[in-house]
Each structure stands twice: as structure tokens, then as C-alpha cells.
């Protein structure tokens, strides 16, 4: 039930933010708030098998560069990988990503986009609801702002390390 409520909330938030054109943020503080919110919304869906929502956060020509998993070119290929890795109902262990808030930085790119960098923790999530932190990594996202909508066009995920707990 909680998952359904979360998904409905995310759908509402996405339709409110992602579909109604908005202006480019007027300063870096506002840009930070926008990207922090979008980051939270994205990762509430990315590893929980809701590809119909997750795909809205990416441009069609997105590219994903992962130091351990290789290169994925296109939103379709990226979403197919998410489905393959996280949509098996018999999967014993899920994954959760948590932004390390103090590490997030944003850099405006003209009035057409922004770069977001930071670190994130990864947790294994077990069927009984328990979690275990298993890793930390750095990331860089290139967000594009077009027609009032923010979408990620490039992802670099690197320096994956085991968690030090």
C-alpha cells in the first residue's frame, strides 16, 4: 500500500513539475532546489520497477557511462536494463540509492541545462524490509532544460567502492 501511495505521489509531482512548462531557475540556490527535488523523485522510482515513470527523467538520446557496467546508449536501452535487473518479481534482493546531500553540487550551463555532481550510497533491500549499505560512488548528471522540462541527457557513474559502514 505504501508503495502505491508513493507512486501516486511521484506521478502527481511529475505531472506538476515535469509537464507544465516552467522558467529556468533565477539563481543557483533555486537551481539546487529544483535538481535536488528531481533527483529524489527519479531515485524513488529507478530501482522499484516503474519504468513508465523513470523514463520521463531522461532524454531519448541519453548516454550512461558506468565504471563497472560499461556504456549504455539511449533511453530505450537504459530502461530495458532497469527492467531486466529490477523487475523480476522473484528477485531476492532489491537496490536503493541514497544521495549524500552534503556532496551534491550544481553548476548552471547557460540557460539550457545544468551539471549535478555528488556521491551516493547503495543499499541492498531484502524482502523482510531490512537494508544493508553495500557501496558508495560518485556521479555526474547533465540535465537539459527544454520546453520547461528538465531531463538527464548524460550520466557518468564512477569510483564505485564497497561501503565502509
N, C-alpha and C. Protein backbone atom coordinates (compact mmCIF):
# COMPACT_ATOMS: atom_id res chain seq x y z
N UNK A 1 0.82 -1.19 0.00
CA UNK A 1 0.00 0.00 0.00
C UNK A 1 0.87 1.27 0.00
N UNK A 2 1.93 1.26 0.83
CA UNK A 2 2.81 2.42 0.88
C UNK A 2 3.44 2.69 -0.48
N UNK A 3 3.79 1.60 -1.18
CA UNK A 3 4.40 1.76 -2.50
C UNK A 3 3.43 2.42 -3.46
N UNK A 4 2.17 2.01 -3.43
CA UNK A 4 1.17 2.61 -4.32
C UNK A 4 1.00 4.10 -4.03
N UNK A 5 0.96 4.45 -2.76
CA UNK A 5 0.82 5.86 -2.39
C UNK A 5 2.03 6.65 -2.87
N UNK A 6 3.23 6.08 -2.68
CA UNK A 6 4.45 6.74 -3.13
C UNK A 6 4.42 6.96 -4.64
N UNK A 7 4.02 5.94 -5.38
CA UNK A 7 3.98 6.05 -6.84
C UNK A 7 2.95 7.09 -7.26
N UNK A 8 1.80 7.11 -6.63
CA UNK A 8 0.79 8.13 -6.96
C UNK A 8 1.33 9.53 -6.67
N UNK A 9 2.02 9.68 -5.54
CA UNK A 9 2.61 10.97 -5.21
C UNK A 9 3.64 11.39 -6.26
N UNK A 10 4.48 10.45 -6.66
CA UNK A 10 5.51 10.75 -7.66
C UNK A 10 4.87 11.11 -8.99
N UNK A 11 3.84 10.37 -9.38
CA UNK A 11 3.14 10.70 -10.63
C UNK A 11 2.55 12.10 -10.56
N UNK A 12 1.95 12.44 -9.43
CA UNK A 12 1.39 13.78 -9.27
C UNK A 12 2.49 14.83 -9.33
N UNK A 13 3.58 14.57 -8.59
CA UNK A 13 4.69 15.52 -8.58
C UNK A 13 5.28 15.67 -9.97
N UNK A 14 5.42 14.56 -10.69
CA UNK A 14 5.98 14.62 -12.04
C UNK A 14 5.08 15.44 -12.95
N UNK A 15 3.77 15.18 -12.86
CA UNK A 15 2.88 15.92 -13.76
C UNK A 15 2.88 17.40 -13.40
N UNK A 16 3.02 17.70 -12.14
CA UNK A 16 3.05 19.10 -11.73
C UNK A 16 4.35 19.77 -12.14
N UNK A 17 5.47 19.05 -12.03
CA UNK A 17 6.77 19.65 -12.33
C UNK A 17 7.20 19.42 -13.76
N UNK A 18 7.00 18.20 -14.24
CA UNK A 18 7.60 17.81 -15.49
C UNK A 18 6.80 18.15 -16.72
N UNK A 19 5.54 18.40 -16.60
CA UNK A 19 4.72 18.59 -17.78
C UNK A 19 4.27 20.04 -17.97
N UNK A 20 4.20 20.79 -16.91
CA UNK A 20 3.82 22.20 -17.03
C UNK A 20 5.10 23.00 -17.23
N UNK A 21 5.23 23.71 -18.34
CA UNK A 21 6.47 24.47 -18.58
C UNK A 21 6.77 25.43 -17.44
N UNK A 22 8.02 25.48 -17.07
CA UNK A 22 8.48 26.40 -16.04
C UNK A 22 9.67 27.18 -16.59
N UNK A 23 10.01 28.25 -15.89
CA UNK A 23 11.15 29.06 -16.30
C UNK A 23 12.43 28.48 -15.73
N UNK A 24 13.54 28.77 -16.38
CA UNK A 24 14.84 28.35 -15.87
C UNK A 24 15.06 29.05 -14.52
N UNK A 25 15.56 28.35 -13.50
CA UNK A 25 15.75 28.97 -12.18
C UNK A 25 16.58 30.24 -12.25
N UNK A 26 16.20 31.20 -11.42
CA UNK A 26 16.82 32.52 -11.47
C UNK A 26 18.18 32.59 -10.79
N UNK A 27 18.49 31.65 -9.91
CA UNK A 27 19.79 31.66 -9.25
C UNK A 27 20.21 30.23 -8.90
N UNK A 28 21.45 30.08 -8.46
CA UNK A 28 21.98 28.74 -8.18
C UNK A 28 21.28 28.07 -7.00
N UNK A 29 20.82 28.85 -6.04
CA UNK A 29 20.11 28.27 -4.90
C UNK A 29 18.80 27.62 -5.38
N UNK A 30 18.09 28.31 -6.24
CA UNK A 30 16.84 27.76 -6.79
C UNK A 30 17.14 26.55 -7.68
N UNK A 31 18.19 26.64 -8.47
CA UNK A 31 18.60 25.52 -9.32
C UNK A 31 18.91 24.29 -8.46
N UNK A 32 19.61 24.50 -7.36
CA UNK A 32 19.93 23.40 -6.44
C UNK A 32 18.64 22.74 -5.95
N UNK A 33 17.67 23.54 -5.54
CA UNK A 33 16.40 23.00 -5.03
C UNK A 33 15.67 22.19 -6.10
N UNK A 34 15.65 22.71 -7.32
CA UNK A 34 14.98 22.01 -8.42
C UNK A 34 15.63 20.66 -8.67
N UNK A 35 16.96 20.64 -8.80
CA UNK A 35 17.65 19.40 -9.12
C UNK A 35 17.63 18.43 -7.94
N UNK A 36 17.68 18.93 -6.73
CA UNK A 36 17.58 18.05 -5.55
C UNK A 36 16.22 17.35 -5.55
N UNK A 37 15.17 18.09 -5.84
CA UNK A 37 13.83 17.52 -5.89
C UNK A 37 13.70 16.49 -7.01
N UNK A 38 14.21 16.83 -8.19
CA UNK A 38 14.15 15.89 -9.32
C UNK A 38 14.97 14.63 -9.03
N UNK A 39 16.13 14.80 -8.43
CA UNK A 39 16.97 13.66 -8.06
C UNK A 39 16.20 12.72 -7.13
N UNK A 40 15.55 13.28 -6.12
CA UNK A 40 14.77 12.47 -5.18
C UNK A 40 13.64 11.73 -5.88
N UNK A 41 12.93 12.42 -6.75
CA UNK A 41 11.82 11.80 -7.48
C UNK A 41 12.32 10.69 -8.40
N UNK A 42 13.41 10.94 -9.10
CA UNK A 42 13.96 9.93 -10.00
C UNK A 42 14.31 8.65 -9.25
N UNK A 43 15.04 8.78 -8.16
CA UNK A 43 15.52 7.58 -7.49
C UNK A 43 14.48 6.94 -6.59
N UNK A 44 13.33 7.57 -6.43
CA UNK A 44 12.21 6.89 -5.77
C UNK A 44 11.60 5.86 -6.71
N UNK A 45 11.86 5.98 -8.01
CA UNK A 45 11.28 5.05 -8.99
C UNK A 45 12.30 4.17 -9.69
N UNK A 46 13.54 4.59 -9.77
CA UNK A 46 14.52 3.93 -10.65
C UNK A 46 14.74 2.46 -10.34
N UNK A 47 14.80 2.09 -9.08
CA UNK A 47 15.10 0.70 -8.73
C UNK A 47 13.88 -0.06 -8.22
N UNK A 48 12.70 0.50 -8.41
CA UNK A 48 11.48 -0.14 -7.91
C UNK A 48 10.58 -0.62 -9.02
N UNK A 49 11.11 -0.73 -10.21
CA UNK A 49 10.40 -1.26 -11.37
C UNK A 49 9.16 -0.43 -11.73
N UNK A 50 9.39 0.81 -12.00
CA UNK A 50 8.35 1.70 -12.52
C UNK A 50 8.92 2.42 -13.74
N UNK A 51 9.24 1.64 -14.79
CA UNK A 51 9.91 2.23 -15.96
C UNK A 51 9.09 3.31 -16.65
N UNK A 52 7.77 3.22 -16.57
CA UNK A 52 6.92 4.23 -17.21
C UNK A 52 7.11 5.60 -16.57
N UNK A 53 7.51 5.63 -15.31
CA UNK A 53 7.80 6.89 -14.63
C UNK A 53 9.27 7.26 -14.83
N UNK A 54 10.14 6.30 -14.57
CA UNK A 54 11.58 6.55 -14.65
C UNK A 54 11.99 7.12 -16.01
N UNK A 55 11.42 6.59 -17.08
CA UNK A 55 11.83 7.02 -18.43
C UNK A 55 11.57 8.50 -18.68
N UNK A 56 10.65 9.09 -17.94
CA UNK A 56 10.33 10.52 -18.14
C UNK A 56 11.45 11.45 -17.70
N UNK A 57 12.40 10.91 -16.94
CA UNK A 57 13.50 11.74 -16.44
C UNK A 57 14.68 11.84 -17.41
N UNK A 58 14.60 11.15 -18.56
CA UNK A 58 15.74 11.07 -19.47
C UNK A 58 15.39 11.51 -20.88
N UNK A 59 16.36 12.08 -21.57
CA UNK A 59 16.20 12.39 -22.99
C UNK A 59 16.29 11.08 -23.78
N UNK A 60 15.70 11.06 -24.97
CA UNK A 60 15.75 9.85 -25.80
C UNK A 60 17.17 9.44 -26.14
N UNK A 61 18.05 10.43 -26.31
CA UNK A 61 19.43 10.14 -26.71
C UNK A 61 20.39 10.06 -25.52
N UNK A 62 19.86 9.80 -24.34
CA UNK A 62 20.70 9.76 -23.15
C UNK A 62 21.82 8.74 -23.29
N UNK A 63 22.91 9.03 -22.59
CA UNK A 63 24.06 8.13 -22.55
C UNK A 63 24.43 7.92 -21.09
N UNK A 64 24.73 6.67 -20.74
CA UNK A 64 25.06 6.30 -19.37
C UNK A 64 26.43 5.62 -19.37
N UNK A 65 27.36 6.19 -18.65
CA UNK A 65 28.72 5.67 -18.57
C UNK A 65 28.96 5.19 -17.14
N UNK A 66 29.23 3.90 -16.98
CA UNK A 66 29.37 3.28 -15.66
C UNK A 66 30.73 2.59 -15.59
N UNK A 67 31.51 2.91 -14.58
CA UNK A 67 32.86 2.35 -14.50
C UNK A 67 32.88 0.84 -14.34
N UNK A 68 31.82 0.24 -13.84
CA UNK A 68 31.77 -1.22 -13.67
C UNK A 68 30.90 -1.89 -14.73
N UNK A 69 29.83 -1.22 -15.14
CA UNK A 69 28.85 -1.84 -16.03
C UNK A 69 28.97 -1.48 -17.50
N UNK A 70 29.84 -0.54 -17.83
CA UNK A 70 30.03 -0.18 -19.23
C UNK A 70 29.15 0.98 -19.69
N UNK A 71 28.95 1.04 -20.99
CA UNK A 71 28.24 2.15 -21.63
C UNK A 71 26.87 1.70 -22.10
N UNK A 72 25.88 2.53 -21.85
CA UNK A 72 24.53 2.30 -22.37
C UNK A 72 24.15 3.54 -23.16
N UNK A 73 23.82 3.34 -24.42
CA UNK A 73 23.45 4.45 -25.30
C UNK A 73 21.96 4.35 -25.60
N UNK A 74 21.20 5.33 -25.23
CA UNK A 74 19.77 5.53 -25.49
C UNK A 74 18.92 5.23 -24.26
N UNK A 75 17.87 5.99 -24.16
CA UNK A 75 16.91 5.79 -23.08
C UNK A 75 16.30 4.41 -23.16
N UNK A 76 15.97 3.95 -24.36
CA UNK A 76 15.34 2.64 -24.52
C UNK A 76 16.23 1.53 -23.96
N UNK A 77 17.52 1.58 -24.26
CA UNK A 77 18.45 0.56 -23.76
C UNK A 77 18.60 0.66 -22.24
N UNK A 78 18.65 1.87 -21.72
CA UNK A 78 18.77 2.07 -20.28
C UNK A 78 17.56 1.51 -19.55
N UNK A 79 16.37 1.83 -20.04
CA UNK A 79 15.14 1.34 -19.41
C UNK A 79 15.05 -0.18 -19.53
N UNK A 80 15.47 -0.73 -20.66
CA UNK A 80 15.49 -2.19 -20.81
C UNK A 80 16.40 -2.83 -19.75
N UNK A 81 17.55 -2.22 -19.49
CA UNK A 81 18.45 -2.73 -18.45
C UNK A 81 17.81 -2.65 -17.07
N UNK A 82 17.13 -1.55 -16.77
CA UNK A 82 16.44 -1.45 -15.49
C UNK A 82 15.40 -2.54 -15.35
N UNK A 83 14.61 -2.75 -16.39
CA UNK A 83 13.59 -3.80 -16.35
C UNK A 83 14.22 -5.17 -16.11
N UNK A 84 15.29 -5.46 -16.84
CA UNK A 84 15.96 -6.76 -16.73
C UNK A 84 16.52 -6.97 -15.32
N UNK A 85 17.08 -5.93 -14.75
CA UNK A 85 17.76 -6.07 -13.46
C UNK A 85 16.87 -5.88 -12.23
N UNK A 86 15.75 -5.18 -12.38
CA UNK A 86 14.98 -4.84 -11.18
C UNK A 86 13.50 -5.19 -11.22
N UNK A 87 13.02 -5.80 -12.30
CA UNK A 87 11.59 -6.07 -12.40
C UNK A 87 11.22 -7.54 -12.22
N UNK A 88 12.16 -8.39 -11.87
CA UNK A 88 11.86 -9.79 -11.63
C UNK A 88 11.16 -9.93 -10.28
N UNK A 89 9.89 -10.38 -10.27
CA UNK A 89 9.17 -10.49 -9.00
C UNK A 89 9.78 -11.52 -8.05
N UNK A 90 10.61 -12.41 -8.56
CA UNK A 90 11.26 -13.42 -7.71
C UNK A 90 12.62 -12.96 -7.19
N UNK A 91 12.98 -11.76 -7.51
CA UNK A 91 14.27 -11.22 -7.08
C UNK A 91 14.34 -11.21 -5.55
N UNK A 92 15.41 -11.73 -5.01
CA UNK A 92 15.57 -11.83 -3.56
C UNK A 92 16.04 -10.52 -2.92
N UNK A 93 16.83 -9.75 -3.67
CA UNK A 93 17.43 -8.54 -3.12
C UNK A 93 17.16 -7.38 -4.06
N UNK A 94 16.66 -6.28 -3.51
CA UNK A 94 16.46 -5.06 -4.28
C UNK A 94 17.63 -4.11 -4.04
N UNK A 95 17.56 -2.95 -4.66
CA UNK A 95 18.60 -1.95 -4.53
C UNK A 95 17.97 -0.60 -4.25
N UNK A 96 18.62 0.17 -3.42
CA UNK A 96 18.17 1.54 -3.13
C UNK A 96 19.38 2.45 -3.22
N UNK A 97 19.18 3.62 -3.79
CA UNK A 97 20.23 4.61 -3.91
C UNK A 97 19.86 5.81 -3.05
N UNK A 98 20.81 6.30 -2.28
CA UNK A 98 20.57 7.44 -1.40
C UNK A 98 21.64 8.49 -1.66
N UNK A 99 21.21 9.67 -2.03
CA UNK A 99 22.12 10.79 -2.24
C UNK A 99 22.76 11.18 -0.91
N UNK A 100 24.05 11.45 -0.94
CA UNK A 100 24.72 12.02 0.23
C UNK A 100 24.57 13.54 0.06
N UNK A 101 23.58 14.15 0.74
CA UNK A 101 23.19 15.53 0.44
C UNK A 101 24.32 16.55 0.49
N UNK A 102 25.23 16.43 1.43
CA UNK A 102 26.29 17.44 1.55
C UNK A 102 27.26 17.41 0.38
N UNK A 103 27.21 16.35 -0.43
CA UNK A 103 28.14 16.24 -1.56
C UNK A 103 27.57 16.80 -2.85
N UNK A 104 26.27 17.04 -2.89
CA UNK A 104 25.64 17.49 -4.15
C UNK A 104 26.03 18.93 -4.47
N UNK A 105 26.45 19.11 -5.71
CA UNK A 105 26.76 20.45 -6.22
C UNK A 105 26.09 20.59 -7.58
N UNK A 106 25.70 21.81 -7.90
CA UNK A 106 25.09 22.07 -9.21
C UNK A 106 25.80 23.25 -9.87
N UNK A 107 25.87 23.17 -11.19
CA UNK A 107 26.55 24.19 -11.98
C UNK A 107 25.67 24.52 -13.18
N UNK A 108 25.20 25.77 -13.30
CA UNK A 108 24.37 26.13 -14.45
C UNK A 108 25.15 26.03 -15.75
N UNK A 109 24.45 25.67 -16.79
CA UNK A 109 25.01 25.61 -18.15
C UNK A 109 24.16 26.56 -18.99
N UNK A 110 24.59 27.81 -19.05
CA UNK A 110 23.80 28.81 -19.77
C UNK A 110 22.39 28.82 -19.21
N UNK A 111 21.41 28.89 -20.10
CA UNK A 111 20.01 28.77 -19.66
C UNK A 111 19.38 27.52 -20.28
N UNK A 112 20.22 26.55 -20.63
CA UNK A 112 19.73 25.34 -21.30
C UNK A 112 19.94 24.08 -20.48
N UNK A 113 20.66 24.15 -19.35
CA UNK A 113 20.89 22.93 -18.59
C UNK A 113 21.70 23.18 -17.34
N UNK A 114 22.13 22.07 -16.74
CA UNK A 114 22.93 22.15 -15.53
C UNK A 114 23.68 20.84 -15.34
N UNK A 115 24.81 20.95 -14.64
CA UNK A 115 25.56 19.77 -14.24
C UNK A 115 25.32 19.57 -12.75
N UNK A 116 25.01 18.34 -12.39
CA UNK A 116 24.83 17.94 -11.00
C UNK A 116 25.90 16.90 -10.68
N UNK A 117 26.63 17.11 -9.59
CA UNK A 117 27.62 16.12 -9.16
C UNK A 117 27.36 15.77 -7.71
N UNK A 118 27.89 14.64 -7.30
CA UNK A 118 27.75 14.25 -5.91
C UNK A 118 28.18 12.82 -5.68
N UNK A 119 27.86 12.35 -4.49
CA UNK A 119 28.11 10.97 -4.12
C UNK A 119 26.79 10.35 -3.69
N UNK A 120 26.71 9.04 -3.85
CA UNK A 120 25.52 8.34 -3.39
C UNK A 120 25.89 6.99 -2.80
N UNK A 121 25.10 6.59 -1.80
CA UNK A 121 25.22 5.27 -1.19
C UNK A 121 24.27 4.32 -1.90
N UNK A 122 24.65 3.04 -1.90
CA UNK A 122 23.76 2.00 -2.40
C UNK A 122 23.50 1.00 -1.28
N UNK A 123 22.24 0.60 -1.19
CA UNK A 123 21.81 -0.35 -0.17
C UNK A 123 21.17 -1.55 -0.84
N UNK A 124 21.44 -2.74 -0.32
CA UNK A 124 20.66 -3.91 -0.69
C UNK A 124 19.41 -3.88 0.18
N UNK A 125 18.27 -4.15 -0.42
CA UNK A 125 17.00 -4.16 0.30
C UNK A 125 16.45 -5.58 0.21
N UNK A 126 16.23 -6.18 1.38
CA UNK A 126 15.79 -7.56 1.44
C UNK A 126 14.27 -7.65 1.58
N UNK A 127 13.72 -8.80 1.24
CA UNK A 127 12.27 -8.98 1.24
C UNK A 127 11.64 -8.73 2.61
N UNK A 128 12.40 -8.93 3.68
CA UNK A 128 11.86 -8.69 5.02
C UNK A 128 11.90 -7.21 5.41
N UNK A 129 12.36 -6.35 4.47
CA UNK A 129 12.39 -4.92 4.72
C UNK A 129 13.70 -4.39 5.28
N UNK A 130 14.61 -5.28 5.64
CA UNK A 130 15.90 -4.81 6.15
C UNK A 130 16.78 -4.34 5.00
N UNK A 131 17.73 -3.50 5.35
CA UNK A 131 18.64 -2.92 4.36
C UNK A 131 20.08 -3.04 4.85
N UNK A 132 20.99 -3.09 3.90
CA UNK A 132 22.41 -3.11 4.22
C UNK A 132 23.14 -2.22 3.23
N UNK A 133 23.89 -1.24 3.75
CA UNK A 133 24.68 -0.38 2.86
C UNK A 133 25.83 -1.20 2.29
N UNK A 134 25.92 -1.20 0.95
CA UNK A 134 26.92 -2.05 0.29
C UNK A 134 27.92 -1.27 -0.55
N UNK A 135 27.66 0.01 -0.83
CA UNK A 135 28.59 0.73 -1.67
C UNK A 135 28.40 2.22 -1.65
N UNK A 136 29.39 2.88 -2.21
CA UNK A 136 29.35 4.33 -2.40
C UNK A 136 29.98 4.61 -3.76
N UNK A 137 29.51 5.65 -4.42
CA UNK A 137 30.06 6.02 -5.73
C UNK A 137 29.86 7.51 -5.96
N UNK A 138 30.52 8.00 -6.96
CA UNK A 138 30.37 9.39 -7.40
C UNK A 138 29.55 9.40 -8.68
N UNK A 139 28.91 10.52 -8.94
CA UNK A 139 28.12 10.63 -10.17
C UNK A 139 28.18 12.05 -10.71
N UNK A 140 27.93 12.16 -12.00
CA UNK A 140 27.75 13.43 -12.69
C UNK A 140 26.56 13.26 -13.62
N UNK A 141 25.60 14.16 -13.51
CA UNK A 141 24.43 14.17 -14.40
C UNK A 141 24.44 15.48 -15.18
N UNK A 142 24.22 15.39 -16.48
CA UNK A 142 23.99 16.57 -17.30
C UNK A 142 22.49 16.66 -17.54
N UNK A 143 21.87 17.64 -16.91
CA UNK A 143 20.43 17.88 -17.05
C UNK A 143 20.22 18.90 -18.16
N UNK A 144 19.28 18.62 -19.05
CA UNK A 144 18.91 19.55 -20.11
C UNK A 144 17.54 20.14 -19.79
N UNK A 145 17.40 21.43 -20.04
CA UNK A 145 16.15 22.14 -19.79
C UNK A 145 15.57 22.56 -21.13
N UNK A 146 14.49 21.89 -21.53
CA UNK A 146 13.90 22.17 -22.83
C UNK A 146 12.38 22.20 -22.69
N UNK A 147 11.77 23.23 -23.24
CA UNK A 147 10.32 23.40 -23.19
C UNK A 147 9.79 23.32 -21.76
N UNK A 148 10.57 23.88 -20.83
CA UNK A 148 10.14 23.94 -19.44
C UNK A 148 10.28 22.64 -18.67
N UNK A 149 10.96 21.65 -19.25
CA UNK A 149 11.08 20.34 -18.61
C UNK A 149 12.56 19.98 -18.45
N UNK A 150 12.93 19.47 -17.28
CA UNK A 150 14.28 19.00 -17.01
C UNK A 150 14.38 17.51 -17.29
N UNK A 151 15.41 17.12 -18.04
CA UNK A 151 15.68 15.70 -18.30
C UNK A 151 17.19 15.49 -18.33
N UNK A 152 17.60 14.30 -17.91
CA UNK A 152 19.03 13.96 -17.91
C UNK A 152 19.41 13.44 -19.29
N UNK A 153 20.49 13.99 -19.84
CA UNK A 153 20.97 13.50 -21.14
C UNK A 153 22.26 12.70 -21.02
N UNK A 154 23.05 12.94 -19.99
CA UNK A 154 24.30 12.20 -19.81
C UNK A 154 24.46 11.86 -18.33
N UNK A 155 24.90 10.62 -18.08
CA UNK A 155 25.17 10.15 -16.73
C UNK A 155 26.56 9.54 -16.72
N UNK A 156 27.36 9.93 -15.75
CA UNK A 156 28.64 9.28 -15.51
C UNK A 156 28.61 8.81 -14.05
N UNK A 157 28.73 7.51 -13.87
CA UNK A 157 28.71 6.90 -12.54
C UNK A 157 30.05 6.20 -12.35
N UNK A 158 30.82 6.63 -11.35
CA UNK A 158 32.21 6.20 -11.26
C UNK A 158 32.70 6.11 -9.82
N UNK A 159 33.89 5.56 -9.67
CA UNK A 159 34.55 5.40 -8.37
C UNK A 159 33.68 4.58 -7.41
N UNK A 160 33.08 3.51 -7.93
CA UNK A 160 32.29 2.62 -7.08
C UNK A 160 33.21 1.90 -6.11
N UNK A 161 32.87 1.98 -4.84
CA UNK A 161 33.66 1.36 -3.78
C UNK A 161 32.73 0.61 -2.83
N UNK A 162 33.25 -0.43 -2.17
CA UNK A 162 32.43 -1.09 -1.15
C UNK A 162 32.17 -0.13 0.00
N UNK A 163 31.06 -0.33 0.68
CA UNK A 163 30.71 0.53 1.81
C UNK A 163 31.67 0.29 2.96
N UNK A 164 32.00 1.35 3.65
CA UNK A 164 32.86 1.22 4.83
C UNK A 164 32.02 1.08 6.09
N UNK A 165 30.69 1.26 5.93
CA UNK A 165 29.72 1.17 7.03
C UNK A 165 30.24 1.97 8.18
